[in-house]
Amino acid sequence: MTEHAQAQAPTEAVTAALHEVAALGGFFVLPVGGPDEGRHLLDRSTARGFTDLSAAVARRYRTGEPRIGVSIAHLGHAARLWSPALACVLLHGIVLDLTELQRADDGPALCLPRPAGWYAERLPDPALALNEEVMRQLRALETGLRVKIAPRLLDGNVASALVGSAQVLLSARPELHEPLTDLTTRLLSTGRLAGTGVITGPGLTFRRRSCCLYYRVPNGSKCGDCCLADRDGPSV
């Protein structure tokens, strides 16, 4: 048996973990099971580079720059992956298996039709396993992109989504401060995320070294973790 097979968590344990994590709300909600109507395998969307979502974002923000729609859709997708995955590790010691993810036909919401995962303590490197589950999904999306985006901008989006998810989790569960900070710091030094930014404070404040381009939409502004945040103009 492989190390992952030996670490397999029961379906009931993964379901219970996702149910509790969903109580955090927002991007932490990852429904389990249910009918397939109204959703499709995420692979289908990623192969097309999320063209429908990026176009919807561009329309919503009234921008004629396709790369802005792509960047913001990519950032949101990364947050939907990191949030439940990070919380399940910290709260339940389970690394989610994201292989069979589905996406809503009419929006960005994700669903896991068959709950699966591994007990973190039984894996040789839980942080590396978590990173691979999330990054595998993001690599598939980025391979399918129809618009050219700077690779380090995308990496910065992934890092920003990770830290944003960690900040929300820390706010809800402050007793997780030490293990959450340790795990987030480790992930930020792994693979593509290395060098994307730096944690600047005990509350997991973060400064990325790239920009998601949101400031370029009509009435847009710079995000609080943006590398441009200290320059002229407002930030959020």
C-alpha atoms as a PDB file:
ATOM      1  CA  MET A   1       0.000   0.000   0.000  1.00  0.00           C
ATOM      2  CA  THR A   2       1.181   3.509  -0.705  1.00  0.00           C
ATOM      3  CA  GLU A   3       1.719   5.995   2.092  1.00  0.00           C
ATOM      4  CA  HIS A   4      -1.364   7.928   0.964  1.00  0.00           C
ATOM      5  CA  ALA A   5      -3.495   4.773   0.950  1.00  0.00           C
ATOM      6  CA  GLN A   6      -2.416   3.994   4.490  1.00  0.00           C
ATOM      7  CA  ALA A   7      -3.355   7.524   5.528  1.00  0.00           C
ATOM      8  CA  GLN A   8      -6.840   7.462   3.967  1.00  0.00           C
ATOM      9  CA  ALA A   9      -9.493   9.051   6.181  1.00  0.00           C
ATOM     10  CA  PRO A  10     -13.001   7.534   6.353  1.00  0.00           C
ATOM     11  CA  THR A  11     -15.678   9.196   4.249  1.00  0.00           C
ATOM     12  CA  GLU A  12     -17.652  10.042   7.378  1.00  0.00           C
ATOM     13  CA  ALA A  13     -14.688  11.865   8.914  1.00  0.00           C
ATOM     14  CA  VAL A  14     -14.137  13.982   5.796  1.00  0.00           C
ATOM     15  CA  THR A  15     -17.851  14.776   5.557  1.00  0.00           C
ATOM     16  CA  ALA A  16     -17.972  15.843   9.203  1.00  0.00           C
ATOM     17  CA  ALA A  17     -14.889  18.015   8.765  1.00  0.00           C
ATOM     18  CA  LEU A  18     -16.317  19.804   5.736  1.00  0.00           C
ATOM     19  CA  HIS A  19     -19.647  20.311   7.508  1.00  0.00           C
ATOM     20  CA  GLU A  20     -17.985  22.005  10.468  1.00  0.00           C
ATOM     21  CA  VAL A  21     -15.658  24.064   8.289  1.00  0.00           C
ATOM     22  CA  ALA A  22     -18.637  25.317   6.251  1.00  0.00           C
ATOM     23  CA  ALA A  23     -19.924  27.053   9.394  1.00  0.00           C
ATOM     24  CA  LEU A  24     -17.128  29.593   8.872  1.00  0.00           C
ATOM     25  CA  GLY A  25     -19.075  30.771   5.828  1.00  0.00           C
ATOM     26  CA  GLY A  26     -17.886  32.386   2.620  1.00  0.00           C
ATOM     27  CA  PHE A  27     -15.244  30.515   0.670  1.00  0.00           C
ATOM     28  CA  PHE A  28     -15.002  27.868   3.408  1.00  0.00           C
ATOM     29  CA  VAL A  29     -18.242  26.285   2.193  1.00  0.00           C
ATOM     30  CA  LEU A  30     -17.549  23.178   0.114  1.00  0.00           C
ATOM     31  CA  PRO A  31     -20.737  21.085  -0.165  1.00  0.00           C
ATOM     32  CA  VAL A  32     -20.483  17.305  -0.294  1.00  0.00           C
ATOM     33  CA  GLY A  33     -22.516  14.978  -2.491  1.00  0.00           C
ATOM     34  CA  GLY A  34     -25.937  15.819  -3.858  1.00  0.00           C
ATOM     35  CA  PRO A  35     -27.319  15.614  -7.404  1.00  0.00           C
ATOM     36  CA  ASP A  36     -25.079  16.325 -10.389  1.00  0.00           C
ATOM     37  CA  GLU A  37     -27.641  18.565 -12.063  1.00  0.00           C
ATOM     38  CA  GLY A  38     -26.446  22.146 -12.388  1.00  0.00           C
ATOM     39  CA  ARG A  39     -22.763  21.379 -12.017  1.00  0.00           C
ATOM     40  CA  HIS A  40     -19.906  19.809 -13.937  1.00  0.00           C
ATOM     41  CA  LEU A  41     -16.423  18.428 -13.366  1.00  0.00           C
ATOM     42  CA  LEU A  42     -14.039  21.252 -12.631  1.00  0.00           C
ATOM     43  CA  ASP A  43     -11.661  19.844 -15.242  1.00  0.00           C
ATOM     44  CA  ARG A  44     -14.067  20.986 -17.964  1.00  0.00           C
ATOM     45  CA  SER A  45     -13.914  24.599 -16.793  1.00  0.00           C
ATOM     46  CA  THR A  46     -10.182  24.644 -16.216  1.00  0.00           C
ATOM     47  CA  ALA A  47      -9.515  23.247 -19.694  1.00  0.00           C
ATOM     48  CA  ARG A  48     -11.267  26.358 -21.021  1.00  0.00           C
ATOM     49  CA  GLY A  49      -9.398  28.694 -18.706  1.00  0.00           C
ATOM     50  CA  PHE A  50     -12.550  29.779 -16.865  1.00  0.00           C
ATOM     51  CA  THR A  51     -13.533  31.875 -19.886  1.00  0.00           C
ATOM     52  CA  ASP A  52     -17.117  32.185 -18.642  1.00  0.00           C
ATOM     53  CA  LEU A  53     -16.141  33.380 -15.168  1.00  0.00           C
ATOM     54  CA  SER A  54     -13.458  35.794 -16.344  1.00  0.00           C
ATOM     55  CA  ALA A  55     -15.890  37.307 -18.861  1.00  0.00           C
ATOM     56  CA  ALA A  56     -18.519  37.642 -16.122  1.00  0.00           C
ATOM     57  CA  VAL A  57     -15.997  39.394 -13.857  1.00  0.00           C
ATOM     58  CA  ALA A  58     -15.009  41.770 -16.653  1.00  0.00           C
ATOM     59  CA  ARG A  59     -18.664  42.667 -17.231  1.00  0.00           C
ATOM     60  CA  ARG A  60     -19.322  43.119 -13.519  1.00  0.00           C
ATOM     61  CA  TYR A  61     -16.430  45.524 -13.126  1.00  0.00           C
ATOM     62  CA  ARG A  62     -17.004  47.178 -16.507  1.00  0.00           C
ATOM     63  CA  THR A  63     -13.462  46.657 -17.733  1.00  0.00           C
ATOM     64  CA  GLY A  64     -12.306  46.113 -21.274  1.00  0.00           C
ATOM     65  CA  GLU A  65      -9.038  44.481 -20.170  1.00  0.00           C
ATOM     66  CA  PRO A  66      -9.513  40.693 -20.411  1.00  0.00           C
ATOM     67  CA  ARG A  67      -6.526  39.997 -18.169  1.00  0.00           C
ATOM     68  CA  ILE A  68      -8.220  41.792 -15.268  1.00  0.00           C
ATOM     69  CA  GLY A  69     -11.227  39.495 -15.463  1.00  0.00           C
ATOM     70  CA  VAL A  70      -8.911  36.488 -15.649  1.00  0.00           C
ATOM     71  CA  SER A  71      -6.815  37.643 -12.689  1.00  0.00           C
ATOM     72  CA  ILE A  72      -9.763  38.340 -10.401  1.00  0.00           C
ATOM     73  CA  ALA A  73     -11.511  35.073 -11.333  1.00  0.00           C
ATOM     74  CA  HIS A  74      -8.251  33.219 -10.693  1.00  0.00           C
ATOM     75  CA  LEU A  75      -7.823  34.907  -7.301  1.00  0.00           C
ATOM     76  CA  GLY A  76     -11.351  33.995  -6.253  1.00  0.00           C
ATOM     77  CA  HIS A  77     -10.908  30.390  -7.361  1.00  0.00           C
ATOM     78  CA  ALA A  78      -7.675  30.101  -5.393  1.00  0.00           C
ATOM     79  CA  ALA A  79      -9.492  31.351  -2.282  1.00  0.00           C
ATOM     80  CA  ARG A  80     -12.255  28.759  -2.768  1.00  0.00           C
ATOM     81  CA  LEU A  81      -9.607  26.043  -2.866  1.00  0.00           C
ATOM     82  CA  TRP A  82      -7.401  27.223  -0.013  1.00  0.00           C
ATOM     83  CA  SER A  83     -10.136  28.083   2.484  1.00  0.00           C
ATOM     84  CA  PRO A  84     -11.737  24.666   3.131  1.00  0.00           C
ATOM     85  CA  ALA A  85      -8.471  22.812   2.522  1.00  0.00           C
ATOM     86  CA  LEU A  86      -6.557  24.913   5.055  1.00  0.00           C
ATOM     87  CA  ALA A  87      -9.335  24.761   7.641  1.00  0.00           C
ATOM     88  CA  CYS A  88      -9.728  20.981   7.363  1.00  0.00           C
ATOM     89  CA  VAL A  89      -6.036  20.499   8.074  1.00  0.00           C
ATOM     90  CA  LEU A  90      -5.957  22.867  11.048  1.00  0.00           C
ATOM     91  CA  LEU A  91      -9.297  21.932  12.606  1.00  0.00           C
ATOM     92  CA  HIS A  92      -9.539  18.233  11.784  1.00  0.00           C
ATOM     93  CA  GLY A  93      -6.099  17.065  10.726  1.00  0.00           C
ATOM     94  CA  ILE A  94      -7.382  16.062   7.284  1.00  0.00           C
ATOM     95  CA  VAL A  95      -5.802  16.882   3.929  1.00  0.00           C
ATOM     96  CA  LEU A  96      -8.630  16.974   1.388  1.00  0.00           C
ATOM     97  CA  ASP A  97      -8.467  14.990  -1.844  1.00  0.00           C
ATOM     98  CA  LEU A  98      -9.637  17.544  -4.413  1.00  0.00           C
ATOM     99  CA  THR A  99      -9.400  15.261  -7.448  1.00  0.00           C
ATOM    100  CA  GLU A 100     -13.120  15.041  -8.194  1.00  0.00           C
ATOM    101  CA  LEU A 101     -14.095  18.665  -7.618  1.00  0.00           C
ATOM    102  CA  GLN A 102     -17.122  19.974  -9.473  1.00  0.00           C
ATOM    103  CA  ARG A 103     -18.152  23.534 -10.309  1.00  0.00           C
ATOM    104  CA  ALA A 104     -21.581  25.113 -10.598  1.00  0.00           C
ATOM    105  CA  ASP A 105     -22.729  25.621 -14.186  1.00  0.00           C
ATOM    106  CA  ASP A 106     -23.755  29.200 -13.465  1.00  0.00           C
ATOM    107  CA  GLY A 107     -21.014  30.456 -11.131  1.00  0.00           C
ATOM    108  CA  PRO A 108     -17.760  29.845  -9.282  1.00  0.00           C
ATOM    109  CA  ALA A 109     -19.110  27.707  -6.397  1.00  0.00           C
ATOM    110  CA  LEU A 110     -17.375  24.353  -5.934  1.00  0.00           C
ATOM    111  CA  CYS A 111     -18.653  20.982  -4.725  1.00  0.00           C
ATOM    112  CA  LEU A 112     -16.983  17.725  -3.734  1.00  0.00           C
ATOM    113  CA  PRO A 113     -19.254  14.872  -4.885  1.00  0.00           C
ATOM    114  CA  ARG A 114     -17.319  12.185  -3.039  1.00  0.00           C
ATOM    115  CA  PRO A 115     -15.665  13.232   0.233  1.00  0.00           C
ATOM    116  CA  ALA A 116     -12.119  11.915   0.435  1.00  0.00           C
ATOM    117  CA  GLY A 117      -8.892  12.832   2.141  1.00  0.00           C
ATOM    118  CA  TRP A 118      -5.987  11.697   4.279  1.00  0.00           C
ATOM    119  CA  TYR A 119      -5.076  12.034   7.935  1.00  0.00           C
ATOM    120  CA  ALA A 120      -2.316  14.637   8.006  1.00  0.00           C
ATOM    121  CA  GLU A 121      -0.415  12.968  10.840  1.00  0.00           C
ATOM    122  CA  ARG A 122      -0.028   9.813   8.756  1.00  0.00           C
ATOM    123  CA  LEU A 123       1.484  11.621   5.743  1.00  0.00           C
ATOM    124  CA  PRO A 124       5.240  12.121   5.476  1.00  0.00           C
ATOM    125  CA  ASP A 125       4.804  15.842   4.726  1.00  0.00           C
ATOM    126  CA  PRO A 126       1.232  17.161   5.269  1.00  0.00           C
ATOM    127  CA  ALA A 127       2.073  20.712   4.144  1.00  0.00           C
ATOM    128  CA  LEU A 128       3.524  19.427   0.889  1.00  0.00           C
ATOM    129  CA  ALA A 129       0.478  17.208   0.320  1.00  0.00           C
ATOM    130  CA  LEU A 130      -1.887  20.129   0.965  1.00  0.00           C
ATOM    131  CA  ASN A 131       0.100  22.356  -1.363  1.00  0.00           C
ATOM    132  CA  GLU A 132       0.010  19.768  -4.142  1.00  0.00           C
ATOM    133  CA  GLU A 133      -3.757  19.239  -3.903  1.00  0.00           C
ATOM    134  CA  VAL A 134      -4.436  22.960  -4.300  1.00  0.00           C
ATOM    135  CA  MET A 135      -1.694  23.734  -6.806  1.00  0.00           C
ATOM    136  CA  ARG A 136      -2.688  20.829  -9.054  1.00  0.00           C
ATOM    137  CA  GLN A 137      -6.099  22.420  -9.512  1.00  0.00           C
ATOM    138  CA  LEU A 138      -4.591  25.839 -10.161  1.00  0.00           C
ATOM    139  CA  ARG A 139      -2.047  24.524 -12.654  1.00  0.00           C
ATOM    140  CA  ALA A 140      -4.890  22.999 -14.660  1.00  0.00           C
ATOM    141  CA  LEU A 141      -6.699  26.345 -14.732  1.00  0.00           C
ATOM    142  CA  GLU A 142      -3.598  28.304 -15.689  1.00  0.00           C
ATOM    143  CA  THR A 143      -2.739  25.873 -18.496  1.00  0.00           C
ATOM    144  CA  GLY A 144      -6.136  26.555 -20.043  1.00  0.00           C
ATOM    145  CA  LEU A 145      -5.994  30.358 -19.875  1.00  0.00           C
ATOM    146  CA  ARG A 146      -6.757  32.096 -23.174  1.00  0.00           C
ATOM    147  CA  VAL A 147      -5.205  35.390 -22.041  1.00  0.00           C
ATOM    148  CA  LYS A 148      -1.519  35.883 -21.351  1.00  0.00           C
ATOM    149  CA  ILE A 149      -0.921  36.669 -17.676  1.00  0.00           C
ATOM    150  CA  ALA A 150       2.463  37.148 -16.005  1.00  0.00           C
ATOM    151  CA  PRO A 151       3.254  33.919 -14.105  1.00  0.00           C
ATOM    152  CA  ARG A 152       4.363  35.817 -10.990  1.00  0.00           C
ATOM    153  CA  LEU A 153       1.078  37.730 -10.945  1.00  0.00           C
ATOM    154  CA  LEU A 154      -0.729  34.387 -10.812  1.00  0.00           C
ATOM    155  CA  ASP A 155       1.650  33.139  -8.125  1.00  0.00           C
ATOM    156  CA  GLY A 156       0.963  36.299  -6.142  1.00  0.00           C
ATOM    157  CA  ASN A 157      -2.766  35.695  -6.465  1.00  0.00           C
ATOM    158  CA  VAL A 158      -2.349  32.201  -5.030  1.00  0.00           C
ATOM    159  CA  ALA A 159      -0.282  33.525  -2.122  1.00  0.00           C
ATOM    160  CA  SER A 160      -2.749  36.342  -1.462  1.00  0.00           C
ATOM    161  CA  ALA A 161      -5.658  33.887  -1.468  1.00  0.00           C
ATOM    162  CA  LEU A 162      -3.801  31.598   0.934  1.00  0.00           C
ATOM    163  CA  VAL A 163      -3.047  34.357   3.425  1.00  0.00           C
ATOM    164  CA  GLY A 164      -6.547  35.822   3.093  1.00  0.00           C
ATOM    165  CA  SER A 165      -8.034  32.429   3.938  1.00  0.00           C
ATOM    166  CA  ALA A 166      -5.648  32.094   6.875  1.00  0.00           C
ATOM    167  CA  GLN A 167      -6.617  35.547   8.176  1.00  0.00           C
ATOM    168  CA  VAL A 168     -10.321  34.674   8.162  1.00  0.00           C
ATOM    169  CA  LEU A 169      -9.617  31.383   9.924  1.00  0.00           C
ATOM    170  CA  LEU A 170      -7.445  33.136  12.502  1.00  0.00           C
ATOM    171  CA  SER A 171     -10.185  35.677  13.201  1.00  0.00           C
ATOM    172  CA  ALA A 172     -12.704  32.886  13.800  1.00  0.00           C
ATOM    173  CA  ARG A 173     -10.347  30.622  15.727  1.00  0.00           C
ATOM    174  CA  PRO A 174      -7.621  32.730  17.392  1.00  0.00           C
ATOM    175  CA  GLU A 175      -6.384  29.728  19.377  1.00  0.00           C
ATOM    176  CA  LEU A 176      -4.974  28.409  16.090  1.00  0.00           C
ATOM    177  CA  HIS A 177      -2.546  31.313  15.826  1.00  0.00           C
ATOM    178  CA  GLU A 178       0.692  29.347  16.216  1.00  0.00           C
ATOM    179  CA  PRO A 179      -0.038  26.284  14.034  1.00  0.00           C
ATOM    180  CA  LEU A 180      -1.850  28.413  11.458  1.00  0.00           C
ATOM    181  CA  THR A 181       1.042  30.859  11.212  1.00  0.00           C
ATOM    182  CA  ASP A 182       3.536  27.991  10.975  1.00  0.00           C
ATOM    183  CA  LEU A 183       1.602  26.237   8.209  1.00  0.00           C
ATOM    184  CA  THR A 184       0.959  29.418   6.241  1.00  0.00           C
ATOM    185  CA  THR A 185       4.617  30.403   6.464  1.00  0.00           C
ATOM    186  CA  ARG A 186       5.670  26.943   5.311  1.00  0.00           C
ATOM    187  CA  LEU A 187       3.303  27.064   2.350  1.00  0.00           C
ATOM    188  CA  LEU A 188       4.564  30.514   1.378  1.00  0.00           C
ATOM    189  CA  SER A 189       8.072  29.078   1.120  1.00  0.00           C
ATOM    190  CA  THR A 190       7.028  26.082  -0.991  1.00  0.00           C
ATOM    191  CA  GLY A 191       7.412  25.808  -4.743  1.00  0.00           C
ATOM    192  CA  ARG A 192       5.906  28.629  -6.767  1.00  0.00           C
ATOM    193  CA  LEU A 193       4.858  30.579  -3.690  1.00  0.00           C
ATOM    194  CA  ALA A 194       8.447  31.152  -2.579  1.00  0.00           C
ATOM    195  CA  GLY A 195       9.269  34.835  -2.926  1.00  0.00           C
ATOM    196  CA  THR A 196       5.701  35.946  -3.673  1.00  0.00           C
ATOM    197  CA  GLY A 197       5.492  38.112  -0.559  1.00  0.00           C
ATOM    198  CA  VAL A 198       6.106  38.324   3.145  1.00  0.00           C
ATOM    199  CA  ILE A 199       4.036  38.134   6.317  1.00  0.00           C
ATOM    200  CA  THR A 200       4.476  41.494   8.023  1.00  0.00           C
ATOM    201  CA  GLY A 201       2.669  41.130  11.347  1.00  0.00           C
ATOM    202  CA  PRO A 202       1.326  38.753  14.011  1.00  0.00           C
ATOM    203  CA  GLY A 203      -2.190  38.937  12.564  1.00  0.00           C
ATOM    204  CA  LEU A 204      -0.900  37.421   9.314  1.00  0.00           C
ATOM    205  CA  THR A 205      -0.833  40.773   7.555  1.00  0.00           C
ATOM    206  CA  PHE A 206       0.823  40.249   4.207  1.00  0.00           C
ATOM    207  CA  ARG A 207       2.534  42.226   1.465  1.00  0.00           C
ATOM    208  CA  ARG A 208       2.698  40.573  -1.918  1.00  0.00           C
ATOM    209  CA  ARG A 209       5.275  41.438  -4.570  1.00  0.00           C
ATOM    210  CA  SER A 210       2.786  41.651  -7.423  1.00  0.00           C
ATOM    211  CA  CYS A 211      -0.611  43.185  -8.147  1.00  0.00           C
ATOM    212  CA  CYS A 212      -3.899  41.472  -9.042  1.00  0.00           C
ATOM    213  CA  LEU A 213      -4.844  44.465 -11.269  1.00  0.00           C
ATOM    214  CA  TYR A 214      -8.068  45.285  -9.423  1.00  0.00           C
ATOM    215  CA  TYR A 215      -6.985  48.919  -9.161  1.00  0.00           C
ATOM    216  CA  ARG A 216      -7.321  49.179 -12.955  1.00  0.00           C
ATOM    217  CA  VAL A 217     -11.103  48.620 -13.030  1.00  0.00           C
ATOM    218  CA  PRO A 218     -13.343  51.721 -13.085  1.00  0.00           C
ATOM    219  CA  ASN A 219     -13.408  53.101  -9.508  1.00  0.00           C
ATOM    220  CA  GLY A 220     -11.065  50.311  -8.477  1.00  0.00           C
ATOM    221  CA  SER A 221      -8.433  50.612  -5.761  1.00  0.00           C
ATOM    222  CA  LYS A 222      -5.362  48.844  -4.450  1.00  0.00           C
ATOM    223  CA  CYS A 223      -5.808  45.883  -2.152  1.00  0.00           C
ATOM    224  CA  GLY A 224      -4.314  46.043   1.321  1.00  0.00           C
ATOM    225  CA  ASP A 225      -1.614  43.483   0.507  1.00  0.00           C
ATOM    226  CA  CYS A 226      -0.692  44.987  -2.877  1.00  0.00           C
ATOM    227  CA  CYS A 227       2.899  45.906  -3.681  1.00  0.00           C
ATOM    228  CA  LEU A 228       1.525  49.258  -4.866  1.00  0.00           C
ATOM    229  CA  ALA A 229      -0.415  49.998  -1.659  1.00  0.00           C
ATOM    230  CA  ASP A 230       2.052  52.588  -0.373  1.00  0.00           C
ATOM    231  CA  ARG A 231       2.076  54.554  -3.601  1.00  0.00           C
ATOM    232  CA  ASP A 232      -0.249  57.404  -4.480  1.00  0.00           C
ATOM    233  CA  GLY A 233      -3.943  56.520  -4.478  1.00  0.00           C
ATOM    234  CA  PRO A 234      -6.340  54.718  -2.126  1.00  0.00           C
ATOM    235  CA  SER A 235      -6.059  51.116  -1.044  1.00  0.00           C
ATOM    236  CA  VAL A 236      -8.587  48.680   0.405  1.00  0.00           C
END
